[in-house]
Amino acid sequence: MKCALVGIDGRVRHVERHATGAERGPQAVVATILDVADGLAGKAHADGLRPVACGVAVPGVVDEAAGVAVWSANVGFRDVPLRDLVATRLGVPAALGHDVRVGGLAEARLGAARGSRHVLFIAIGTGIAASHVVDGTAFAGAHGAAGEFGHILVRPDGPRCGCGRPGCLEAVASASAVARRYTEVTGNTADTADVVARATAGEAAAGQVWRETVEALADGLATAHSLLDVDTIVLGGGLAQAGPDLLDPLRAALRERMTFHREPRLVTAALGDEAGCLGAALLALDSLENS
């Protein structure tokens, strides 16, 4: 868990990290969330600050309107009313959001896409997910499942995804997919950073894997852009740490796929680990304004 006290000016005042304890089950995770939130509120009071709201962001399917963590494979959540649990524990208004959506919210308002009205934030790590932000608002969809960018079908004959279907972008171009594909091609193990370094150094097998990754990502981005017509695409997560080694070929591949659509600006995320905490804080402050 990444946790922070954030001022209404968007400045981070205090940061903490805690283990989720997911191995002890979802009820233990909920208890830890409440304890950590309570501890942060106590820290604020001790520093002479007054907490006005609490934002919580979790992975999975989130019903933001109802404040319910509907489902999360990572921690085993099923229909947990986290917003109300937090509000009751702390005695302040609370908001619940999706971890990638709040990250996109922060990047759109405070980070790499600041000043852009139409933003697509994509987190590429072990999995791939996205957040569509328009005029500073991230859209959750009708059922809280918007932004599952990793499950765009890009290679119908490709490897089977964790969702059960073959050929999803996540199964082809996530950080874990890059490492797995390199092992398939060479028989050797390497993490994504190693694959990128070896590709840059001219290793043929690594270059092949990296080109396949970039081409798949470009196909996914072209599909998303055709539907959303954004002006800025922000890439975050572990894979984005490849920097120009990812952005330069990806930008060129995406340009090749553009016909009548205007090419979006393609940038890497600017807020790093703080994006989730900042986004959760923004969500909480928004809930105050809208109440």
C-alpha atoms as a PDB file:
ATOM      1  CA  MET A   1       0.000   0.000   0.000  1.00  0.00           C
ATOM      2  CA  LYS A   2       1.227   3.479  -0.877  1.00  0.00           C
ATOM      3  CA  CYS A   3      -0.267   6.057   1.479  1.00  0.00           C
ATOM      4  CA  ALA A   4       0.080   9.811   1.896  1.00  0.00           C
ATOM      5  CA  LEU A   5      -1.188  12.950   3.515  1.00  0.00           C
ATOM      6  CA  VAL A   6      -1.886  15.399   0.674  1.00  0.00           C
ATOM      7  CA  GLY A   7      -2.713  19.086   1.050  1.00  0.00           C
ATOM      8  CA  ILE A   8      -5.541  20.709  -0.876  1.00  0.00           C
ATOM      9  CA  ASP A   9      -2.779  22.362  -2.908  1.00  0.00           C
ATOM     10  CA  GLY A  10      -1.722  18.929  -4.168  1.00  0.00           C
ATOM     11  CA  ARG A  11       1.501  18.897  -2.149  1.00  0.00           C
ATOM     12  CA  VAL A  12       2.433  15.613  -0.497  1.00  0.00           C
ATOM     13  CA  ARG A  13       3.119  16.220   3.211  1.00  0.00           C
ATOM     14  CA  HIS A  14       3.889  12.696   4.417  1.00  0.00           C
ATOM     15  CA  VAL A  15       4.324   9.289   2.771  1.00  0.00           C
ATOM     16  CA  GLU A  16       4.089   5.745   4.125  1.00  0.00           C
ATOM     17  CA  ARG A  17       4.199   2.233   2.682  1.00  0.00           C
ATOM     18  CA  HIS A  18       2.599  -0.834   4.217  1.00  0.00           C
ATOM     19  CA  ALA A  19       2.267  -4.485   3.229  1.00  0.00           C
ATOM     20  CA  THR A  20      -1.271  -5.398   2.200  1.00  0.00           C
ATOM     21  CA  GLY A  21      -1.104  -8.744   3.971  1.00  0.00           C
ATOM     22  CA  ALA A  22      -3.105 -10.232   1.102  1.00  0.00           C
ATOM     23  CA  GLU A  23      -1.915 -13.712   2.046  1.00  0.00           C
ATOM     24  CA  ARG A  24      -4.109 -13.437   5.162  1.00  0.00           C
ATOM     25  CA  GLY A  25      -7.245 -12.941   3.068  1.00  0.00           C
ATOM     26  CA  PRO A  26      -9.444 -10.017   1.970  1.00  0.00           C
ATOM     27  CA  GLN A  27     -10.860  -9.308   5.434  1.00  0.00           C
ATOM     28  CA  ALA A  28      -7.360  -8.774   6.762  1.00  0.00           C
ATOM     29  CA  VAL A  29      -6.609  -6.410   3.872  1.00  0.00           C
ATOM     30  CA  VAL A  30      -9.712  -4.366   4.674  1.00  0.00           C
ATOM     31  CA  ALA A  31      -8.696  -4.219   8.336  1.00  0.00           C
ATOM     32  CA  THR A  32      -5.210  -3.042   7.338  1.00  0.00           C
ATOM     33  CA  ILE A  33      -6.634  -0.325   5.062  1.00  0.00           C
ATOM     34  CA  LEU A  34      -8.771   0.989   7.924  1.00  0.00           C
ATOM     35  CA  ASP A  35      -5.906   0.853  10.408  1.00  0.00           C
ATOM     36  CA  VAL A  36      -3.522   2.633   8.037  1.00  0.00           C
ATOM     37  CA  ALA A  37      -6.094   5.333   7.226  1.00  0.00           C
ATOM     38  CA  ASP A  38      -6.709   5.830  10.932  1.00  0.00           C
ATOM     39  CA  GLY A  39      -2.983   6.083  11.527  1.00  0.00           C
ATOM     40  CA  LEU A  40      -2.576   8.694   8.793  1.00  0.00           C
ATOM     41  CA  ALA A  41      -5.417  10.742  10.282  1.00  0.00           C
ATOM     42  CA  GLY A  42      -3.696  10.527  13.653  1.00  0.00           C
ATOM     43  CA  LYS A  43      -0.415  11.676  12.096  1.00  0.00           C
ATOM     44  CA  ALA A  44      -2.228  14.649  10.550  1.00  0.00           C
ATOM     45  CA  HIS A  45      -3.766  15.679  13.875  1.00  0.00           C
ATOM     46  CA  ALA A  46      -0.403  15.293  15.606  1.00  0.00           C
ATOM     47  CA  ASP A  47       1.100  17.687  13.045  1.00  0.00           C
ATOM     48  CA  GLY A  48      -1.636  20.259  13.644  1.00  0.00           C
ATOM     49  CA  LEU A  49      -3.493  19.427  10.426  1.00  0.00           C
ATOM     50  CA  ARG A  50      -7.193  18.656  10.026  1.00  0.00           C
ATOM     51  CA  PRO A  51      -8.157  15.818   7.669  1.00  0.00           C
ATOM     52  CA  VAL A  52     -11.129  16.833   5.514  1.00  0.00           C
ATOM     53  CA  ALA A  53     -11.598  13.697   3.393  1.00  0.00           C
ATOM     54  CA  CYS A  54     -10.048  10.332   2.585  1.00  0.00           C
ATOM     55  CA  GLY A  55      -9.518   8.788  -0.850  1.00  0.00           C
ATOM     56  CA  VAL A  56      -8.874   5.088  -1.341  1.00  0.00           C
ATOM     57  CA  ALA A  57      -7.943   3.427  -4.620  1.00  0.00           C
ATOM     58  CA  VAL A  58      -7.862  -0.332  -5.234  1.00  0.00           C
ATOM     59  CA  PRO A  59      -7.308  -2.611  -8.240  1.00  0.00           C
ATOM     60  CA  GLY A  60     -10.057  -4.613  -9.915  1.00  0.00           C
ATOM     61  CA  VAL A  61     -13.649  -3.686 -10.662  1.00  0.00           C
ATOM     62  CA  VAL A  62     -14.807  -0.696  -8.618  1.00  0.00           C
ATOM     63  CA  ASP A  63     -18.317   0.756  -8.356  1.00  0.00           C
ATOM     64  CA  GLU A  64     -17.302   4.323  -7.573  1.00  0.00           C
ATOM     65  CA  ALA A  65     -20.861   5.634  -7.295  1.00  0.00           C
ATOM     66  CA  ALA A  66     -21.740   3.043  -4.652  1.00  0.00           C
ATOM     67  CA  GLY A  67     -18.292   3.107  -3.055  1.00  0.00           C
ATOM     68  CA  VAL A  68     -17.895  -0.653  -3.412  1.00  0.00           C
ATOM     69  CA  ALA A  69     -14.825  -2.712  -4.332  1.00  0.00           C
ATOM     70  CA  VAL A  70     -16.730  -5.204  -6.483  1.00  0.00           C
ATOM     71  CA  TRP A  71     -13.935  -7.623  -7.314  1.00  0.00           C
ATOM     72  CA  SER A  72     -10.159  -7.784  -7.254  1.00  0.00           C
ATOM     73  CA  ALA A  73      -8.101 -10.829  -8.139  1.00  0.00           C
ATOM     74  CA  ASN A  74      -5.017  -9.293  -6.473  1.00  0.00           C
ATOM     75  CA  VAL A  75      -6.443  -9.124  -2.966  1.00  0.00           C
ATOM     76  CA  GLY A  76      -9.621 -11.205  -3.190  1.00  0.00           C
ATOM     77  CA  PHE A  77     -12.111  -8.353  -2.684  1.00  0.00           C
ATOM     78  CA  ARG A  78     -15.740  -9.137  -3.426  1.00  0.00           C
ATOM     79  CA  ASP A  79     -18.426  -6.501  -2.820  1.00  0.00           C
ATOM     80  CA  VAL A  80     -16.583  -4.647  -0.040  1.00  0.00           C
ATOM     81  CA  PRO A  81     -18.214  -1.261   0.871  1.00  0.00           C
ATOM     82  CA  LEU A  82     -14.843   0.358   1.411  1.00  0.00           C
ATOM     83  CA  ARG A  83     -15.981   3.956   1.070  1.00  0.00           C
ATOM     84  CA  ASP A  84     -18.511   3.700   3.891  1.00  0.00           C
ATOM     85  CA  LEU A  85     -16.176   1.642   6.063  1.00  0.00           C
ATOM     86  CA  VAL A  86     -13.459   4.287   5.790  1.00  0.00           C
ATOM     87  CA  ALA A  87     -15.872   7.195   6.328  1.00  0.00           C
ATOM     88  CA  THR A  88     -17.278   5.542   9.455  1.00  0.00           C
ATOM     89  CA  ARG A  89     -13.835   4.745  10.865  1.00  0.00           C
ATOM     90  CA  LEU A  90     -12.390   8.239  10.289  1.00  0.00           C
ATOM     91  CA  GLY A  91     -15.484  10.384  10.653  1.00  0.00           C
ATOM     92  CA  VAL A  92     -14.755  12.275   7.409  1.00  0.00           C
ATOM     93  CA  PRO A  93     -16.194  11.957   3.881  1.00  0.00           C
ATOM     94  CA  ALA A  94     -14.497   9.273   1.800  1.00  0.00           C
ATOM     95  CA  ALA A  95     -14.224   8.340  -1.865  1.00  0.00           C
ATOM     96  CA  LEU A  96     -13.309   5.053  -3.519  1.00  0.00           C
ATOM     97  CA  GLY A  97     -11.648   4.739  -6.906  1.00  0.00           C
ATOM     98  CA  HIS A  98      -9.723   2.413  -9.196  1.00  0.00           C
ATOM     99  CA  ASP A  99      -5.934   2.501  -8.858  1.00  0.00           C
ATOM    100  CA  VAL A 100      -5.197   3.125 -12.547  1.00  0.00           C
ATOM    101  CA  ARG A 101      -8.051   5.615 -12.974  1.00  0.00           C
ATOM    102  CA  VAL A 102      -6.812   7.751 -10.081  1.00  0.00           C
ATOM    103  CA  GLY A 103      -3.272   7.539 -11.464  1.00  0.00           C
ATOM    104  CA  GLY A 104      -4.592   8.868 -14.757  1.00  0.00           C
ATOM    105  CA  LEU A 105      -6.490  11.581 -12.941  1.00  0.00           C
ATOM    106  CA  ALA A 106      -3.308  12.762 -11.245  1.00  0.00           C
ATOM    107  CA  GLU A 107      -1.246  12.688 -14.447  1.00  0.00           C
ATOM    108  CA  ALA A 108      -3.970  14.610 -16.294  1.00  0.00           C
ATOM    109  CA  ARG A 109      -4.322  17.351 -13.698  1.00  0.00           C
ATOM    110  CA  LEU A 110      -0.908  17.560 -12.085  1.00  0.00           C
ATOM    111  CA  GLY A 111       1.528  15.534 -14.178  1.00  0.00           C
ATOM    112  CA  ALA A 112       2.654  14.791 -17.712  1.00  0.00           C
ATOM    113  CA  ALA A 113      -0.695  15.669 -19.344  1.00  0.00           C
ATOM    114  CA  ARG A 114      -1.407  18.820 -17.372  1.00  0.00           C
ATOM    115  CA  GLY A 115      -3.222  21.250 -19.663  1.00  0.00           C
ATOM    116  CA  SER A 116      -4.600  18.510 -21.950  1.00  0.00           C
ATOM    117  CA  ARG A 117      -8.381  18.107 -22.068  1.00  0.00           C
ATOM    118  CA  HIS A 118      -8.510  14.572 -23.458  1.00  0.00           C
ATOM    119  CA  VAL A 119      -6.043  12.126 -21.918  1.00  0.00           C
ATOM    120  CA  LEU A 120      -5.459   8.386 -22.085  1.00  0.00           C
ATOM    121  CA  PHE A 121      -3.236   7.119 -19.276  1.00  0.00           C
ATOM    122  CA  ILE A 122      -1.885   3.597 -19.701  1.00  0.00           C
ATOM    123  CA  ALA A 123      -0.123   1.659 -16.961  1.00  0.00           C
ATOM    124  CA  ILE A 124       2.041  -1.136 -18.359  1.00  0.00           C
ATOM    125  CA  GLY A 125       3.458  -3.478 -15.754  1.00  0.00           C
ATOM    126  CA  THR A 126       2.612  -7.064 -14.872  1.00  0.00           C
ATOM    127  CA  GLY A 127      -0.728  -6.267 -16.505  1.00  0.00           C
ATOM    128  CA  ILE A 128      -2.014  -3.416 -18.663  1.00  0.00           C
ATOM    129  CA  ALA A 129      -4.838  -1.047 -17.799  1.00  0.00           C
ATOM    130  CA  ALA A 130      -5.886   2.449 -18.791  1.00  0.00           C
ATOM    131  CA  SER A 131      -7.733   5.540 -17.652  1.00  0.00           C
ATOM    132  CA  HIS A 132      -9.656   7.878 -19.955  1.00  0.00           C
ATOM    133  CA  VAL A 133      -9.723  11.385 -18.500  1.00  0.00           C
ATOM    134  CA  VAL A 134     -11.729  14.226 -20.048  1.00  0.00           C
ATOM    135  CA  ASP A 135     -11.591  17.726 -18.579  1.00  0.00           C
ATOM    136  CA  GLY A 136     -10.107  16.336 -15.384  1.00  0.00           C
ATOM    137  CA  THR A 137     -12.677  13.575 -14.868  1.00  0.00           C
ATOM    138  CA  ALA A 138     -11.835   9.881 -15.218  1.00  0.00           C
ATOM    139  CA  PHE A 139     -14.630   7.716 -16.578  1.00  0.00           C
ATOM    140  CA  ALA A 140     -15.440   4.417 -14.886  1.00  0.00           C
ATOM    141  CA  GLY A 141     -17.951   3.080 -17.402  1.00  0.00           C
ATOM    142  CA  ALA A 142     -21.424   1.663 -16.806  1.00  0.00           C
ATOM    143  CA  HIS A 143     -20.213  -1.172 -14.576  1.00  0.00           C
ATOM    144  CA  GLY A 144     -16.930   0.146 -13.166  1.00  0.00           C
ATOM    145  CA  ALA A 145     -14.840  -1.794 -15.663  1.00  0.00           C
ATOM    146  CA  ALA A 146     -13.794   0.907 -18.150  1.00  0.00           C
ATOM    147  CA  GLY A 147     -10.138   1.076 -19.114  1.00  0.00           C
ATOM    148  CA  GLU A 148      -9.352  -2.620 -19.508  1.00  0.00           C
ATOM    149  CA  PHE A 149      -6.980  -1.685 -22.298  1.00  0.00           C
ATOM    150  CA  GLY A 150      -4.942  -4.834 -21.731  1.00  0.00           C
ATOM    151  CA  HIS A 151      -7.825  -6.923 -23.020  1.00  0.00           C
ATOM    152  CA  ILE A 152      -7.983  -5.394 -26.476  1.00  0.00           C
ATOM    153  CA  LEU A 153      -7.538  -8.289 -28.892  1.00  0.00           C
ATOM    154  CA  VAL A 154      -4.345  -7.694 -30.879  1.00  0.00           C
ATOM    155  CA  ARG A 155      -3.104 -11.184 -31.787  1.00  0.00           C
ATOM    156  CA  PRO A 156      -5.961 -13.701 -32.257  1.00  0.00           C
ATOM    157  CA  ASP A 157      -3.457 -16.564 -32.500  1.00  0.00           C
ATOM    158  CA  GLY A 158      -1.354 -15.254 -29.621  1.00  0.00           C
ATOM    159  CA  PRO A 159      -0.709 -16.563 -26.108  1.00  0.00           C
ATOM    160  CA  ARG A 160      -3.612 -17.114 -23.742  1.00  0.00           C
ATOM    161  CA  CYS A 161      -4.322 -14.240 -21.395  1.00  0.00           C
ATOM    162  CA  GLY A 162      -5.128 -14.571 -17.710  1.00  0.00           C
ATOM    163  CA  CYS A 163      -8.718 -13.656 -18.585  1.00  0.00           C
ATOM    164  CA  GLY A 164      -8.964 -16.903 -20.551  1.00  0.00           C
ATOM    165  CA  ARG A 165      -8.921 -15.520 -24.074  1.00  0.00           C
ATOM    166  CA  PRO A 166      -5.918 -15.789 -26.413  1.00  0.00           C
ATOM    167  CA  GLY A 167      -4.249 -12.764 -27.938  1.00  0.00           C
ATOM    168  CA  CYS A 168      -5.045  -9.953 -25.483  1.00  0.00           C
ATOM    169  CA  LEU A 169      -2.580  -7.060 -25.476  1.00  0.00           C
ATOM    170  CA  GLU A 170      -1.689  -7.859 -21.863  1.00  0.00           C
ATOM    171  CA  ALA A 171      -0.616 -11.371 -22.866  1.00  0.00           C
ATOM    172  CA  VAL A 172       1.630  -9.992 -25.611  1.00  0.00           C
ATOM    173  CA  ALA A 173       3.053  -6.660 -24.458  1.00  0.00           C
ATOM    174  CA  SER A 174       3.010  -6.402 -20.667  1.00  0.00           C
ATOM    175  CA  ALA A 175       6.318  -6.425 -18.802  1.00  0.00           C
ATOM    176  CA  SER A 176       5.759 -10.021 -17.759  1.00  0.00           C
ATOM    177  CA  ALA A 177       4.884 -10.973 -21.344  1.00  0.00           C
ATOM    178  CA  VAL A 178       8.155  -9.495 -22.614  1.00  0.00           C
ATOM    179  CA  ALA A 179      10.183 -11.574 -20.171  1.00  0.00           C
ATOM    180  CA  ARG A 180       8.164 -14.712 -20.939  1.00  0.00           C
ATOM    181  CA  ARG A 181       8.519 -14.274 -24.705  1.00  0.00           C
ATOM    182  CA  TYR A 182      12.279 -13.780 -24.420  1.00  0.00           C
ATOM    183  CA  THR A 183      12.554 -17.059 -22.546  1.00  0.00           C
ATOM    184  CA  GLU A 184      10.483 -18.791 -25.237  1.00  0.00           C
ATOM    185  CA  VAL A 185      12.760 -17.476 -27.991  1.00  0.00           C
ATOM    186  CA  THR A 186      16.134 -17.997 -26.308  1.00  0.00           C
ATOM    187  CA  GLY A 187      15.638 -20.450 -23.455  1.00  0.00           C
ATOM    188  CA  ASN A 188      17.249 -17.894 -21.156  1.00  0.00           C
ATOM    189  CA  THR A 189      15.619 -15.836 -18.413  1.00  0.00           C
ATOM    190  CA  ALA A 190      15.725 -12.037 -18.326  1.00  0.00           C
ATOM    191  CA  ASP A 191      13.561  -9.280 -16.970  1.00  0.00           C
ATOM    192  CA  THR A 192      12.141  -6.550 -19.185  1.00  0.00           C
ATOM    193  CA  ALA A 193      14.957  -4.100 -18.468  1.00  0.00           C
ATOM    194  CA  ASP A 194      17.505  -6.739 -19.519  1.00  0.00           C
ATOM    195  CA  VAL A 195      15.591  -7.439 -22.732  1.00  0.00           C
ATOM    196  CA  VAL A 196      15.539  -3.731 -23.599  1.00  0.00           C
ATOM    197  CA  ALA A 197      19.243  -3.369 -22.832  1.00  0.00           C
ATOM    198  CA  ARG A 198      20.101  -6.399 -24.951  1.00  0.00           C
ATOM    199  CA  ALA A 199      17.922  -5.173 -27.811  1.00  0.00           C
ATOM    200  CA  THR A 200      19.627  -1.783 -27.694  1.00  0.00           C
ATOM    201  CA  ALA A 201      23.020  -3.532 -27.699  1.00  0.00           C
ATOM    202  CA  GLY A 202      22.069  -5.330 -30.896  1.00  0.00           C
ATOM    203  CA  GLU A 203      21.145  -8.828 -29.699  1.00  0.00           C
ATOM    204  CA  ALA A 204      18.923 -10.288 -32.428  1.00  0.00           C
ATOM    205  CA  ALA A 205      16.564 -12.285 -30.196  1.00  0.00           C
ATOM    206  CA  ALA A 206      15.981  -9.394 -27.804  1.00  0.00           C
ATOM    207  CA  GLY A 207      15.449  -7.065 -30.758  1.00  0.00           C
ATOM    208  CA  GLN A 208      12.818  -9.413 -32.163  1.00  0.00           C
ATOM    209  CA  VAL A 209      10.951  -9.587 -28.856  1.00  0.00           C
ATOM    210  CA  TRP A 210      11.076  -5.832 -28.386  1.00  0.00           C
ATOM    211  CA  ARG A 211       9.819  -5.154 -31.929  1.00  0.00           C
ATOM    212  CA  GLU A 212       6.932  -7.572 -31.364  1.00  0.00           C
ATOM    213  CA  THR A 213       6.105  -5.736 -28.146  1.00  0.00           C
ATOM    214  CA  VAL A 214       6.170  -2.303 -29.744  1.00  0.00           C
ATOM    215  CA  GLU A 215       4.065  -3.425 -32.717  1.00  0.00           C
ATOM    216  CA  ALA A 216       1.424  -4.936 -30.429  1.00  0.00           C
ATOM    217  CA  LEU A 217       1.314  -1.806 -28.279  1.00  0.00           C
ATOM    218  CA  ALA A 218       0.983   0.352 -31.385  1.00  0.00           C
ATOM    219  CA  ASP A 219      -1.957  -1.768 -32.566  1.00  0.00           C
ATOM    220  CA  GLY A 220      -3.634  -1.384 -29.180  1.00  0.00           C
ATOM    221  CA  LEU A 221      -3.014   2.357 -29.051  1.00  0.00           C
ATOM    222  CA  ALA A 222      -4.320   2.832 -32.590  1.00  0.00           C
ATOM    223  CA  THR A 223      -7.518   1.015 -31.644  1.00  0.00           C
ATOM    224  CA  ALA A 224      -7.971   3.064 -28.476  1.00  0.00           C
ATOM    225  CA  HIS A 225      -7.221   6.332 -30.257  1.00  0.00           C
ATOM    226  CA  SER A 226      -9.705   5.517 -33.028  1.00  0.00           C
ATOM    227  CA  LEU A 227     -12.400   5.178 -30.361  1.00  0.00           C
ATOM    228  CA  LEU A 228     -11.418   8.017 -28.028  1.00  0.00           C
ATOM    229  CA  ASP A 229      -9.564  10.614 -30.153  1.00  0.00           C
ATOM    230  CA  VAL A 230      -7.383  11.866 -27.300  1.00  0.00           C
ATOM    231  CA  ASP A 231      -4.792  14.606 -27.551  1.00  0.00           C
ATOM    232  CA  THR A 232      -2.300  13.073 -25.080  1.00  0.00           C
ATOM    233  CA  ILE A 233      -1.365   9.481 -24.267  1.00  0.00           C
ATOM    234  CA  VAL A 234       0.626   9.015 -21.054  1.00  0.00           C
ATOM    235  CA  LEU A 235       2.545   5.787 -20.532  1.00  0.00           C
ATOM    236  CA  GLY A 236       3.241   4.706 -16.967  1.00  0.00           C
ATOM    237  CA  GLY A 237       4.217   1.533 -15.163  1.00  0.00           C
ATOM    238  CA  GLY A 238       7.387  -0.499 -15.320  1.00  0.00           C
ATOM    239  CA  LEU A 239       7.603  -0.793 -19.098  1.00  0.00           C
ATOM    240  CA  ALA A 240       7.532   2.993 -19.502  1.00  0.00           C
ATOM    241  CA  GLN A 241      10.851   3.149 -17.647  1.00  0.00           C
ATOM    242  CA  ALA A 242      12.430   2.108 -20.939  1.00  0.00           C
ATOM    243  CA  GLY A 243      12.032   5.780 -21.891  1.00  0.00           C
ATOM    244  CA  PRO A 244      13.130   6.663 -25.447  1.00  0.00           C
ATOM    245  CA  ASP A 245      13.824   2.979 -26.196  1.00  0.00           C
ATOM    246  CA  LEU A 246      10.049   2.518 -25.983  1.00  0.00           C
ATOM    247  CA  LEU A 247       8.699   5.944 -26.920  1.00  0.00           C
ATOM    248  CA  ASP A 248      10.704   6.501 -30.099  1.00  0.00           C
ATOM    249  CA  PRO A 249       9.809   3.248 -31.921  1.00  0.00           C
ATOM    250  CA  LEU A 250       6.274   3.269 -30.477  1.00  0.00           C
ATOM    251  CA  ARG A 251       5.673   6.820 -31.673  1.00  0.00           C
ATOM    252  CA  ALA A 252       6.870   5.867 -35.161  1.00  0.00           C
ATOM    253  CA  ALA A 253       4.743   2.709 -35.240  1.00  0.00           C
ATOM    254  CA  LEU A 254       1.656   4.599 -34.086  1.00  0.00           C
ATOM    255  CA  ARG A 255       2.261   7.284 -36.726  1.00  0.00           C
ATOM    256  CA  GLU A 256       2.294   4.572 -39.408  1.00  0.00           C
ATOM    257  CA  ARG A 257      -1.170   3.491 -38.264  1.00  0.00           C
ATOM    258  CA  MET A 258      -2.717   6.965 -38.410  1.00  0.00           C
ATOM    259  CA  THR A 259      -4.852   7.850 -41.421  1.00  0.00           C
ATOM    260  CA  PHE A 260      -7.349  10.674 -40.851  1.00  0.00           C
ATOM    261  CA  HIS A 261      -6.967  10.820 -37.062  1.00  0.00           C
ATOM    262  CA  ARG A 262      -4.639  13.430 -35.644  1.00  0.00           C
ATOM    263  CA  GLU A 263      -1.571  11.910 -34.022  1.00  0.00           C
ATOM    264  CA  PRO A 264      -1.738  12.165 -30.235  1.00  0.00           C
ATOM    265  CA  ARG A 265       1.125  13.428 -28.114  1.00  0.00           C
ATOM    266  CA  LEU A 266       2.891  10.429 -26.557  1.00  0.00           C
ATOM    267  CA  VAL A 267       4.714  11.009 -23.247  1.00  0.00           C
ATOM    268  CA  THR A 268       5.867   9.098 -20.176  1.00  0.00           C
ATOM    269  CA  ALA A 269       4.288   9.597 -16.764  1.00  0.00           C
ATOM    270  CA  ALA A 270       5.775  12.296 -14.552  1.00  0.00           C
ATOM    271  CA  LEU A 271       4.495  11.540 -11.043  1.00  0.00           C
ATOM    272  CA  GLY A 272       5.919   8.073 -10.470  1.00  0.00           C
ATOM    273  CA  ASP A 273       4.833   6.312  -7.282  1.00  0.00           C
ATOM    274  CA  GLU A 274       3.001   9.405  -6.051  1.00  0.00           C
ATOM    275  CA  ALA A 275       0.381   9.298  -8.832  1.00  0.00           C
ATOM    276  CA  GLY A 276      -1.942   6.899  -7.022  1.00  0.00           C
ATOM    277  CA  CYS A 277      -1.885   8.808  -3.743  1.00  0.00           C
ATOM    278  CA  LEU A 278      -2.343  12.147  -5.484  1.00  0.00           C
ATOM    279  CA  GLY A 279      -5.187  10.766  -7.580  1.00  0.00           C
ATOM    280  CA  ALA A 280      -6.937   9.315  -4.539  1.00  0.00           C
ATOM    281  CA  ALA A 281      -6.629  12.699  -2.836  1.00  0.00           C
ATOM    282  CA  LEU A 282      -8.065  14.473  -5.881  1.00  0.00           C
ATOM    283  CA  LEU A 283     -10.971  12.020  -5.919  1.00  0.00           C
ATOM    284  CA  ALA A 284     -11.664  12.715  -2.258  1.00  0.00           C
ATOM    285  CA  LEU A 285     -11.566  16.491  -2.773  1.00  0.00           C
ATOM    286  CA  ASP A 286     -13.858  16.153  -5.803  1.00  0.00           C
ATOM    287  CA  SER A 287     -16.350  14.242  -3.674  1.00  0.00           C
ATOM    288  CA  LEU A 288     -16.433  17.169  -1.231  1.00  0.00           C
ATOM    289  CA  GLU A 289     -17.138  19.633  -4.029  1.00  0.00           C
ATOM    290  CA  ASN A 290     -19.877  17.432  -5.469  1.00  0.00           C
ATOM    291  CA  SER A 291     -21.596  16.629  -2.164  1.00  0.00           C
END
